[in-house]
């Protein structure tokens, strides 16, 4: 049963291949992506065992949370009770910019906020091994005139405004997203924060000019934490609105416009009451911490982003930059780094005065730092396929009606370099020692353009055992949904 989903994917690929001459819209690129070994790597057995222990199904919905200061990416998964529970935490290999939202193209900032990831945003032909587009800018960002494109979560541990993992990590994360789509989830939510929204962090950063924005997205964080459900996200009056519902006597559905006045809406009492209680407790604790003299974080001294300490400890002359360990985090105790750190990685440099008044703390600044020269030629993660090659996930999703370009919140530029062209400009990278697995047959030119597979991630030494609206919680679908939704594509 461990490789069941992969077998189904390959069977579907074979069916597509056999019917290629009869299916409208089917082409060689789709077949190539359907047989893409990187994108079809199975979920590791150890992770499946963890799901079983936590009462989760392989293809149940997922939710992703990112924290810059802690340099952590969390995968949450819906269990059989219908609530989301934490499945696994991944250390982030590299993120760039400062604490705070992305404002403009080229500022090197990694986005903060709430985004929806549809099948169309999954990129199996990324120049950075595998990737998915965050969907920046969303409707809120656009209403404020913010610009930027190609903001990804990808491999290669190299960031220019993205969240970069190791190749092994992104392969595992990608497989979890793929399985959730096979299970019927139309999009999964990405929540990106400057830090964990705790009273101590709010106290330390109380004078940061980004605090009004952070308080706004903290409300969404609070909705998730008290309900363990994916919050429904809307935008109006250039602000986020969470879990809005129609008033009791309303006859029309709510219509939200990020730049227009908010419609009349209510928040369900059980959610609103729980959120108010949490916020009151957090505010009281934040005030207590300030009163007892919790120091304020100093301004950024020019550090560009951060790197989790488990990676920084393995890179010569590297520092964690703006990243600091989270409360009680066990990731720093890993016996080995979860994946291969490329030799060309450009880590944060140790600052000369990166100290708080009396205590160490990552500095921050509202304005984005000036770009620094890249250590290697700029590469594009190829956020979405071109018009001639929409991609296997995107085409397949449109045929069965569970997503597509209209569902994505990403701002897609008119043209993007092909993955093969981007890869040819890449410098050689240090490869993992793991052998290739499940590699499909390609011609020589295609094989030369793609890096070998990476082994799955293990947290312990030794081998692993085994737009504008963000949709609400997706129902759990039975494991045979792949056959019913994807097995009879016309």
Protein backbone atom coordinates (compact mmCIF):
# COMPACT_ATOMS: atom_id res chain seq x y z
CA UNK A 1 0.00 0.00 0.00
CA UNK A 2 2.96 2.31 0.50
CA UNK A 3 3.45 2.87 -3.22
CA UNK A 4 -0.24 2.70 -4.12
CA UNK A 5 -0.56 6.33 -5.15
CA UNK A 6 2.55 6.15 -7.31
CA UNK A 7 1.26 3.07 -9.08
CA UNK A 8 -2.01 4.84 -9.78
CA UNK A 9 -0.13 7.85 -11.15
CA UNK A 10 1.96 5.68 -13.47
CA UNK A 11 -1.10 3.71 -14.59
CA UNK A 12 -2.85 6.96 -15.40
CA UNK A 13 0.23 8.12 -17.31
CA UNK A 14 0.22 4.92 -19.34
CA UNK A 15 -3.46 5.35 -20.10
CA UNK A 16 -2.83 8.91 -21.24
CA UNK A 17 0.00 7.70 -23.46
CA UNK A 18 -2.11 5.00 -25.07
CA UNK A 19 -4.94 7.41 -25.78
CA UNK A 20 -2.66 10.25 -26.83
CA UNK A 21 -3.82 10.29 -30.44
CA UNK A 22 -7.45 10.37 -29.42
CA UNK A 23 -7.41 12.92 -26.60
CA UNK A 24 -7.79 16.56 -27.44
CA UNK A 25 -5.12 18.67 -25.82
CA UNK A 26 -2.84 15.76 -24.96
CA UNK A 27 0.77 16.33 -26.04
CA UNK A 28 4.30 15.08 -25.53
CA UNK A 29 5.01 17.59 -22.77
CA UNK A 30 2.10 16.28 -20.70
CA UNK A 31 3.31 12.71 -21.11
CA UNK A 32 6.82 13.77 -20.14
CA UNK A 33 5.54 15.41 -16.96
CA UNK A 34 3.30 12.47 -16.13
CA UNK A 35 6.41 10.30 -16.18
CA UNK A 36 8.58 12.86 -14.36
CA UNK A 37 10.41 10.75 -11.78
CA UNK A 38 11.18 13.71 -9.52
CA UNK A 39 7.54 14.78 -9.32
CA UNK A 40 6.30 11.21 -8.82
CA UNK A 41 8.57 10.17 -5.96
CA UNK A 42 6.49 8.37 -3.32
CA UNK A 43 5.92 9.72 0.15
CA UNK A 44 8.65 8.12 2.33
CA UNK A 45 7.54 5.07 4.35
CA UNK A 46 8.53 6.72 7.64
CA UNK A 47 6.24 9.67 6.94
CA UNK A 48 3.38 7.32 6.05
CA UNK A 49 3.96 5.52 9.34
CA UNK A 50 3.76 8.88 11.14
CA UNK A 51 0.44 9.59 9.39
CA UNK A 52 -0.94 6.26 10.53
CA UNK A 53 0.13 6.95 14.10
CA UNK A 54 -1.58 10.36 13.95
CA UNK A 55 -4.83 9.01 12.47
CA UNK A 56 -4.25 10.65 9.08
CA UNK A 57 -4.89 9.43 5.54
CA UNK A 58 -2.21 9.71 2.87
CA UNK A 59 -4.43 11.81 0.60
CA UNK A 60 -6.16 14.00 3.19
CA UNK A 61 -5.79 17.81 2.88
CA UNK A 62 -2.62 19.60 3.96
CA UNK A 63 -1.78 23.13 5.14
CA UNK A 64 1.66 24.79 5.15
CA UNK A 65 2.99 27.33 7.66
CA UNK A 66 6.31 29.20 7.29
CA UNK A 67 8.21 31.15 9.95
CA UNK A 68 11.18 33.30 8.90
CA UNK A 69 12.80 33.98 12.28
CA UNK A 70 12.63 30.32 13.30
CA UNK A 71 13.52 29.24 9.73
CA UNK A 72 10.91 26.49 9.87
CA UNK A 73 8.30 25.12 7.46
CA UNK A 74 5.46 23.14 9.01
CA UNK A 75 3.24 20.63 7.22
CA UNK A 76 -0.15 20.22 8.88
CA UNK A 77 -2.51 17.49 7.75
CA UNK A 78 -6.20 16.85 8.34
CA UNK A 79 -6.79 13.80 10.50
CA UNK A 80 -9.87 11.59 10.50
CA UNK A 81 -11.60 13.85 13.04
CA UNK A 82 -11.55 16.65 10.46
CA UNK A 83 -9.05 18.80 12.37
CA UNK A 84 -5.56 19.71 11.25
CA UNK A 85 -2.61 18.37 13.23
CA UNK A 86 1.12 18.94 12.81
CA UNK A 87 2.67 16.18 10.70
CA UNK A 88 6.27 17.37 10.32
CA UNK A 89 8.51 20.42 10.72
CA UNK A 90 11.27 21.09 8.16
CA UNK A 91 14.20 23.46 8.77
CA UNK A 92 14.44 26.11 6.02
CA UNK A 93 17.81 26.05 4.30
CA UNK A 94 17.73 29.68 3.11
CA UNK A 95 15.40 32.65 2.93
CA UNK A 96 16.33 36.16 1.85
CA UNK A 97 15.48 39.73 2.75
CA UNK A 98 14.27 40.91 6.15
CA UNK A 99 11.40 40.26 8.52
CA UNK A 100 8.40 41.92 6.89
CA UNK A 101 6.23 41.54 3.78
CA UNK A 102 7.41 41.73 0.20
CA UNK A 103 6.72 45.18 -1.27
CA UNK A 104 8.24 45.43 -4.74
CA UNK A 105 9.95 43.42 -7.43
CA UNK A 106 13.65 43.02 -6.72
CA UNK A 107 13.61 43.81 -2.99
CA UNK A 108 14.73 40.24 -2.17
CA UNK A 109 11.89 39.94 0.35
CA UNK A 110 10.19 36.58 0.88
CA UNK A 111 6.40 37.07 1.06
CA UNK A 112 4.35 37.12 4.24
CA UNK A 113 0.60 36.53 4.37
CA UNK A 114 -1.96 33.94 3.27
CA UNK A 115 -1.83 32.30 -0.15
CA UNK A 116 -3.61 29.43 -1.95
CA UNK A 117 -1.57 26.79 -3.81
CA UNK A 118 -3.52 25.12 -6.64
CA UNK A 119 -2.34 22.26 -8.87
CA UNK A 120 -1.48 24.84 -11.56
CA UNK A 121 1.19 26.31 -9.26
CA UNK A 122 3.05 23.03 -8.81
CA UNK A 123 6.15 23.01 -11.04
CA UNK A 124 7.74 19.61 -11.74
CA UNK A 125 10.20 21.13 -14.22
CA UNK A 126 11.68 23.77 -11.92
CA UNK A 127 15.26 24.93 -12.42
CA UNK A 128 15.52 24.38 -8.64
CA UNK A 129 14.75 20.64 -8.66
CA UNK A 130 11.03 20.96 -7.74
CA UNK A 131 8.99 23.96 -6.66
CA UNK A 132 5.59 25.50 -6.17
CA UNK A 133 4.57 29.12 -6.64
CA UNK A 134 3.44 30.88 -3.45
CA UNK A 135 0.80 32.86 -5.35
CA UNK A 136 2.30 36.25 -4.49
CA UNK A 137 0.90 38.84 -5.04
CA UNK A 138 -2.57 37.97 -3.75
CA UNK A 139 -5.50 40.38 -3.93
CA UNK A 140 -4.40 42.19 -0.74
CA UNK A 141 -0.88 42.70 -2.10
CA UNK A 142 -2.24 43.98 -5.40
CA UNK A 143 -4.61 46.41 -3.66
CA UNK A 144 -1.57 47.98 -2.00
CA UNK A 145 0.30 48.21 -5.30
CA UNK A 146 2.87 45.60 -4.32
CA UNK A 147 4.78 43.93 -7.13
CA UNK A 148 6.80 40.78 -7.62
CA UNK A 149 6.67 37.45 -9.39
CA UNK A 150 8.15 33.97 -9.36
CA UNK A 151 8.14 33.79 -5.55
CA UNK A 152 8.58 30.11 -4.81
CA UNK A 153 9.14 27.39 -2.28
CA UNK A 154 11.85 25.31 -3.99
CA UNK A 155 15.03 23.29 -3.57
CA UNK A 156 18.72 24.13 -4.07
CA UNK A 157 19.11 26.16 -0.83
CA UNK A 158 19.40 29.40 -2.83
CA UNK A 159 17.04 32.34 -2.35
CA UNK A 160 16.37 35.68 -4.01
CA UNK A 161 12.99 36.33 -2.38
CA UNK A 162 11.99 32.66 -2.05
CA UNK A 163 11.88 30.03 0.66
CA UNK A 164 14.59 27.53 -0.26
CA UNK A 165 14.79 23.99 1.04
CA UNK A 166 17.20 21.20 0.17
CA UNK A 167 16.32 19.09 -2.86
CA UNK A 168 15.51 16.14 -0.63
CA UNK A 169 13.14 18.24 1.48
CA UNK A 170 11.25 19.78 -1.44
CA UNK A 171 10.81 16.33 -2.99
CA UNK A 172 9.05 15.20 0.18
CA UNK A 173 6.97 18.38 0.54
CA UNK A 174 6.02 18.23 -3.15
CA UNK A 175 4.87 14.62 -2.76
CA UNK A 176 2.59 15.58 0.14
CA UNK A 177 0.99 18.36 -1.92
CA UNK A 178 0.58 16.02 -4.90
CA UNK A 179 -1.18 13.40 -2.78
CA UNK A 180 -3.56 15.98 -1.31
CA UNK A 181 -4.59 16.96 -4.85
CA UNK A 182 -5.06 13.31 -5.79
CA UNK A 183 -7.32 13.06 -2.73
CA UNK A 184 -9.53 15.91 -3.97
CA UNK A 185 -8.12 19.04 -2.28
CA UNK A 186 -8.55 21.90 -4.74
CA UNK A 187 -5.84 24.06 -3.17
CA UNK A 188 -3.82 24.05 0.01
CA UNK A 189 -3.24 27.11 2.14
CA UNK A 190 0.20 28.63 2.69
CA UNK A 191 0.55 30.84 5.78
CA UNK A 192 3.83 32.81 5.85
CA UNK A 193 4.81 34.69 9.03
CA UNK A 194 7.82 36.75 10.15
CA UNK A 195 8.01 34.63 13.32
CA UNK A 196 5.77 32.50 15.50
CA UNK A 197 3.04 34.83 16.70
CA UNK A 198 3.76 34.43 20.41
CA UNK A 199 3.59 37.14 23.11
CA UNK A 200 7.38 37.15 23.52
CA UNK A 201 7.95 37.77 19.81
CA UNK A 202 5.25 40.44 19.68
CA UNK A 203 6.93 42.13 22.66
CA UNK A 204 10.41 42.04 21.14
CA UNK A 205 9.22 43.48 17.83
CA UNK A 206 6.71 45.96 19.28
CA UNK A 207 8.42 48.99 17.72
CA UNK A 208 8.76 47.49 14.23
CA UNK A 209 6.85 49.57 11.63
CA UNK A 210 5.43 46.31 10.23
CA UNK A 211 3.57 45.59 13.48
CA UNK A 212 0.10 46.70 12.21
CA UNK A 213 0.40 44.23 9.32
CA UNK A 214 1.68 41.51 11.64
CA UNK A 215 -1.24 42.03 14.04
CA UNK A 216 -3.62 41.66 11.10
CA UNK A 217 -2.19 38.32 9.93
CA UNK A 218 -1.89 37.18 13.55
CA UNK A 219 -5.68 37.18 13.60
CA UNK A 220 -5.63 34.52 10.89
CA UNK A 221 -3.04 32.61 12.89
CA UNK A 222 -5.33 32.79 15.93
CA UNK A 223 -8.32 31.52 13.93
CA UNK A 224 -6.29 28.50 12.87
CA UNK A 225 -4.90 27.79 16.32
CA UNK A 226 -8.25 27.87 18.12
CA UNK A 227 -10.19 25.89 15.50
CA UNK A 228 -7.49 23.70 13.90
CA UNK A 229 -9.37 24.37 10.65
CA UNK A 230 -8.07 26.14 7.56
CA UNK A 231 -9.39 29.70 7.93
CA UNK A 232 -11.43 31.06 5.06
CA UNK A 233 -9.62 34.15 3.79
CA UNK A 234 -11.18 37.18 2.07
CA UNK A 235 -9.98 40.72 1.37
CA UNK A 236 -11.75 44.08 1.54
CA UNK A 237 -10.82 47.66 2.41
CA UNK A 238 -7.19 46.64 1.82
CA UNK A 239 -7.18 44.23 4.72
CA UNK A 240 -7.55 40.53 5.48
CA UNK A 241 -10.86 39.12 6.70
CA UNK A 242 -10.99 35.63 8.24
CA UNK A 243 -13.90 33.18 8.41
CA UNK A 244 -16.50 35.70 7.24
CA UNK A 245 -20.04 34.34 6.86
CA UNK A 246 -23.37 35.74 5.68
CA UNK A 247 -25.51 37.48 8.31
CA UNK A 248 -28.50 35.38 9.43
CA UNK A 249 -31.07 37.22 7.32
CA UNK A 250 -28.89 37.74 4.24
CA UNK A 251 -30.26 36.49 0.92
CA UNK A 252 -27.17 37.03 -1.24
CA UNK A 253 -23.75 35.51 -1.11
CA UNK A 254 -20.94 37.72 0.16
CA UNK A 255 -18.89 39.48 -2.49
CA UNK A 256 -15.45 40.73 -1.47
CA UNK A 257 -13.20 43.17 -3.28
CA UNK A 258 -9.79 43.92 -1.81
CA UNK A 259 -10.04 47.62 -2.72
CA UNK A 260 -13.74 48.13 -1.96
CA UNK A 261 -15.83 48.52 1.16
CA UNK A 262 -16.43 45.33 3.10
CA UNK A 263 -19.88 43.76 2.74
CA UNK A 264 -21.94 43.08 5.85
CA UNK A 265 -20.65 39.84 7.36
CA UNK A 266 -20.45 37.96 10.63
CA UNK A 267 -17.95 35.57 12.17
CA UNK A 268 -19.50 32.45 13.74
CA UNK A 269 -19.91 32.99 17.48
CA UNK A 270 -17.95 29.92 18.54
CA UNK A 271 -14.96 31.06 16.45
CA UNK A 272 -15.21 34.74 17.37
CA UNK A 273 -15.45 33.98 21.10
CA UNK A 274 -12.47 31.61 21.06
CA UNK A 275 -10.35 34.08 19.07
CA UNK A 276 -11.23 36.98 21.40
CA UNK A 277 -10.25 34.89 24.42
CA UNK A 278 -6.92 33.94 22.88
CA UNK A 279 -6.16 37.51 21.84
CA UNK A 280 -6.96 38.85 25.30
CA UNK A 281 -4.63 36.30 26.88
CA UNK A 282 -1.85 37.08 24.38
CA UNK A 283 -2.21 40.86 24.85
CA UNK A 284 -2.03 40.53 28.62
CA UNK A 285 1.11 38.39 28.41
CA UNK A 286 2.70 40.76 25.89
CA UNK A 287 2.03 43.71 28.20
CA UNK A 288 3.53 41.81 31.14
CA UNK A 289 6.69 41.03 29.14
CA UNK A 290 7.07 44.67 28.09
CA UNK A 291 6.53 45.87 31.64
CA UNK A 292 9.25 43.61 32.98
CA UNK A 293 11.75 45.06 30.48
CA UNK A 294 11.81 42.71 27.50
CA UNK A 295 14.34 44.41 25.18
CA UNK A 296 13.34 45.74 21.77
CA UNK A 297 15.05 44.28 18.74
CA UNK A 298 17.62 46.57 17.16
CA UNK A 299 17.61 47.61 13.52
CA UNK A 300 18.97 45.30 10.84
CA UNK A 301 22.69 45.81 10.24
CA UNK A 302 22.50 44.63 6.63
CA UNK A 303 21.99 40.89 7.02
CA UNK A 304 20.25 39.31 4.05
CA UNK A 305 17.80 36.72 5.33
CA UNK A 306 18.51 33.64 7.35
CA UNK A 307 19.40 29.96 7.45
CA UNK A 308 18.40 27.37 10.01
CA UNK A 309 21.24 26.57 12.39
CA UNK A 310 21.23 22.88 11.42
CA UNK A 311 22.46 23.99 7.98
CA UNK A 312 24.58 26.96 9.09
CA UNK A 313 26.59 24.64 11.34
CA UNK A 314 27.63 22.69 8.26
CA UNK A 315 28.63 25.59 5.99
CA UNK A 316 32.08 27.21 6.52
CA UNK A 317 31.93 30.77 7.88
CA UNK A 318 28.13 30.77 7.83
CA UNK A 319 25.80 32.24 10.42
CA UNK A 320 22.07 31.87 10.91
CA UNK A 321 21.61 35.53 9.93
CA UNK A 322 18.17 36.69 11.00
CA UNK A 323 17.08 33.18 11.97
CA UNK A 324 16.92 32.15 15.60
CA UNK A 325 15.79 28.87 17.18
CA UNK A 326 12.16 28.59 18.16
CA UNK A 327 10.98 27.80 21.65
CA UNK A 328 11.64 24.15 22.40
CA UNK A 329 12.68 23.38 18.85
CA UNK A 330 14.27 19.96 18.45
CA UNK A 331 15.42 20.59 14.88
CA UNK A 332 18.77 21.98 16.03
CA UNK A 333 19.51 18.64 17.67
CA UNK A 334 19.43 16.75 14.38
CA UNK A 335 22.43 14.46 14.01
CA UNK A 336 22.73 15.34 10.35
CA UNK A 337 21.39 17.96 7.95
CA UNK A 338 18.13 16.90 6.27
CA UNK A 339 19.41 16.98 2.73
CA UNK A 340 22.36 18.07 0.64
CA UNK A 341 23.59 21.65 0.97
CA UNK A 342 25.04 22.66 -2.44
CA UNK A 343 28.62 23.89 -2.60
CA UNK A 344 27.48 27.15 -4.23
CA UNK A 345 25.22 28.15 -1.32
CA UNK A 346 25.54 31.80 -0.25
CA UNK A 347 24.76 31.79 3.50
CA UNK A 348 24.08 34.83 5.69
CA UNK A 349 27.23 36.42 7.09
CA UNK A 350 27.81 37.04 10.77
CA UNK A 351 26.99 40.70 11.62
CA UNK A 352 29.37 42.92 13.54
CA UNK A 353 26.80 44.14 16.05
CA UNK A 354 23.86 41.77 15.85
CA UNK A 355 22.91 42.10 19.50
CA UNK A 356 19.98 43.42 21.45
CA UNK A 357 20.49 45.76 24.34
CA UNK A 358 21.66 43.10 26.76
CA UNK A 359 20.48 39.99 24.92
CA UNK A 360 21.02 38.35 21.52
CA UNK A 361 18.16 38.81 19.08
CA UNK A 362 17.82 38.94 15.30
CA UNK A 363 17.67 42.57 14.13
CA UNK A 364 15.03 43.81 11.75
CA UNK A 365 14.04 46.80 9.66
CA UNK A 366 10.82 47.76 7.91
CA UNK A 367 12.52 48.83 4.70
CA UNK A 368 13.92 46.13 2.45
CA UNK A 369 17.74 45.87 2.36
CA UNK A 370 19.60 46.75 -0.77
CA UNK A 371 20.25 43.75 -3.03
CA UNK A 372 23.63 42.10 -2.66
CA UNK A 373 25.58 40.53 -5.50
CA UNK A 374 24.65 36.91 -6.09
CA UNK A 375 27.36 34.30 -5.79
CA UNK A 376 26.12 32.53 -8.91
CA UNK A 377 24.24 33.55 -12.09
CA UNK A 378 20.59 34.35 -11.45
CA UNK A 379 18.26 31.47 -12.12
CA UNK A 380 14.49 31.54 -12.43
CA UNK A 381 12.48 28.89 -10.64
CA UNK A 382 10.00 28.85 -13.52
CA UNK A 383 6.89 29.53 -11.49
CA UNK A 384 4.39 28.20 -13.98
CA UNK A 385 4.58 26.47 -17.35
CA UNK A 386 4.37 28.52 -20.51
CA UNK A 387 1.25 28.91 -22.59
CA UNK A 388 2.43 26.12 -24.88
CA UNK A 389 3.16 23.85 -21.92
CA UNK A 390 0.68 24.43 -19.09
CA UNK A 391 2.11 21.51 -17.16
CA UNK A 392 0.75 18.10 -16.25
CA UNK A 393 -0.91 19.18 -12.98
CA UNK A 394 -2.50 22.24 -14.56
CA UNK A 395 -3.84 20.46 -17.67
CA UNK A 396 -5.05 17.47 -15.69
CA UNK A 397 -6.70 19.71 -13.11
CA UNK A 398 -8.62 21.66 -15.75
CA UNK A 399 -9.84 18.46 -17.40
CA UNK A 400 -11.36 17.22 -14.15
CA UNK A 401 -12.40 20.66 -12.90
CA UNK A 402 -10.42 21.02 -9.68
CA UNK A 403 -8.24 23.99 -10.45
CA UNK A 404 -6.24 25.83 -13.05
CA UNK A 405 -4.89 29.20 -13.88
CA UNK A 406 -8.07 30.91 -12.71
CA UNK A 407 -7.66 29.45 -9.24
CA UNK A 408 -4.09 30.59 -8.77
CA UNK A 409 -3.41 33.88 -7.02
CA UNK A 410 -0.02 34.18 -8.65
CA UNK A 411 0.77 37.07 -10.96
CA UNK A 412 2.05 35.34 -14.07
CA UNK A 413 4.43 37.35 -16.26
CA UNK A 414 3.87 37.22 -20.03
CA UNK A 415 6.87 35.00 -20.67
CA UNK A 416 9.14 32.76 -18.64
CA UNK A 417 12.31 30.90 -19.51
CA UNK A 418 11.93 27.20 -20.08
CA UNK A 419 13.29 24.97 -17.35
CA UNK A 420 15.79 23.38 -19.71
CA UNK A 421 17.21 26.79 -20.64
CA UNK A 422 17.48 27.85 -17.01
CA UNK A 423 19.23 24.65 -16.07
CA UNK A 424 21.84 25.02 -18.76
CA UNK A 425 22.92 28.31 -17.16
CA UNK A 426 23.30 26.75 -13.72
CA UNK A 427 26.76 26.07 -12.29
CA UNK A 428 27.51 22.43 -11.44
CA UNK A 429 26.01 21.38 -8.15
CA UNK A 430 27.16 18.89 -5.57
CA UNK A 431 24.92 15.88 -5.86
CA UNK A 432 23.66 13.56 -3.16
CA UNK A 433 25.20 10.11 -2.91
CA UNK A 434 21.80 8.45 -3.17
CA UNK A 435 21.25 6.52 -6.41
CA UNK A 436 18.60 7.40 -8.94
CA UNK A 437 15.24 5.74 -8.44
CA UNK A 438 12.29 5.22 -10.75
CA UNK A 439 13.96 7.24 -13.49
CA UNK A 440 11.83 7.19 -16.67
CA UNK A 441 13.36 6.80 -20.10
CA UNK A 442 14.30 10.10 -21.74
CA UNK A 443 16.32 11.07 -24.74
CA UNK A 444 19.92 12.12 -24.16
CA UNK A 445 19.20 15.84 -24.36
CA UNK A 446 16.40 15.66 -21.79
CA UNK A 447 18.43 13.51 -19.43
CA UNK A 448 21.34 15.93 -19.52
CA UNK A 449 19.07 18.81 -18.53
CA UNK A 450 17.70 17.22 -15.39
CA UNK A 451 19.54 16.56 -12.11
CA UNK A 452 19.39 13.11 -10.53
CA UNK A 453 16.86 12.26 -7.85
CA UNK A 454 17.60 12.96 -4.23
CA UNK A 455 17.01 10.59 -1.37
CA UNK A 456 14.10 11.19 0.97
CA UNK A 457 14.72 13.17 4.14
CA UNK A 458 15.39 11.51 7.47
CA UNK A 459 15.41 13.28 10.84
CA UNK A 460 17.70 10.71 12.43
CA UNK A 461 20.98 9.08 11.48
CA UNK A 462 20.65 6.04 9.27
CA UNK A 463 18.15 5.20 6.52
CA UNK A 464 14.50 6.22 6.76
CA UNK A 465 11.92 3.61 7.65
CA UNK A 466 9.14 4.56 6.42
CA UNK A 467 -8.14 35.72 -6.52
CA UNK A 468 -8.60 36.79 -4.01
CA UNK A 469 -10.16 34.12 -1.92
CA UNK A 470 -8.55 31.22 -0.16
CA UNK A 471 -10.89 28.28 0.05
CA UNK A 472 -11.89 26.77 3.36
CA UNK A 473 -11.20 23.34 4.74
CA UNK A 474 -11.50 20.62 2.11
CA UNK A 475 -13.33 17.42 3.04
CA UNK A 476 -11.50 14.17 3.51
CA UNK A 477 -11.90 12.01 0.41
CA UNK A 478 -11.54 8.26 0.28
CA UNK A 479 -8.30 6.86 -1.09
CA UNK A 480 -10.01 5.59 -4.26
CA UNK A 481 -10.70 9.17 -5.33
CA UNK A 482 -7.67 9.11 -7.60
CA UNK A 483 -9.37 6.47 -9.73
CA UNK A 484 -12.69 8.27 -9.79
CA UNK A 485 -11.34 11.78 -10.39
CA UNK A 486 -8.23 11.16 -12.46
CA UNK A 487 -8.63 7.69 -13.94
CA UNK A 488 -11.19 8.59 -16.61
CA UNK A 489 -9.83 11.75 -18.14
CA UNK A 490 -11.49 12.53 -21.44
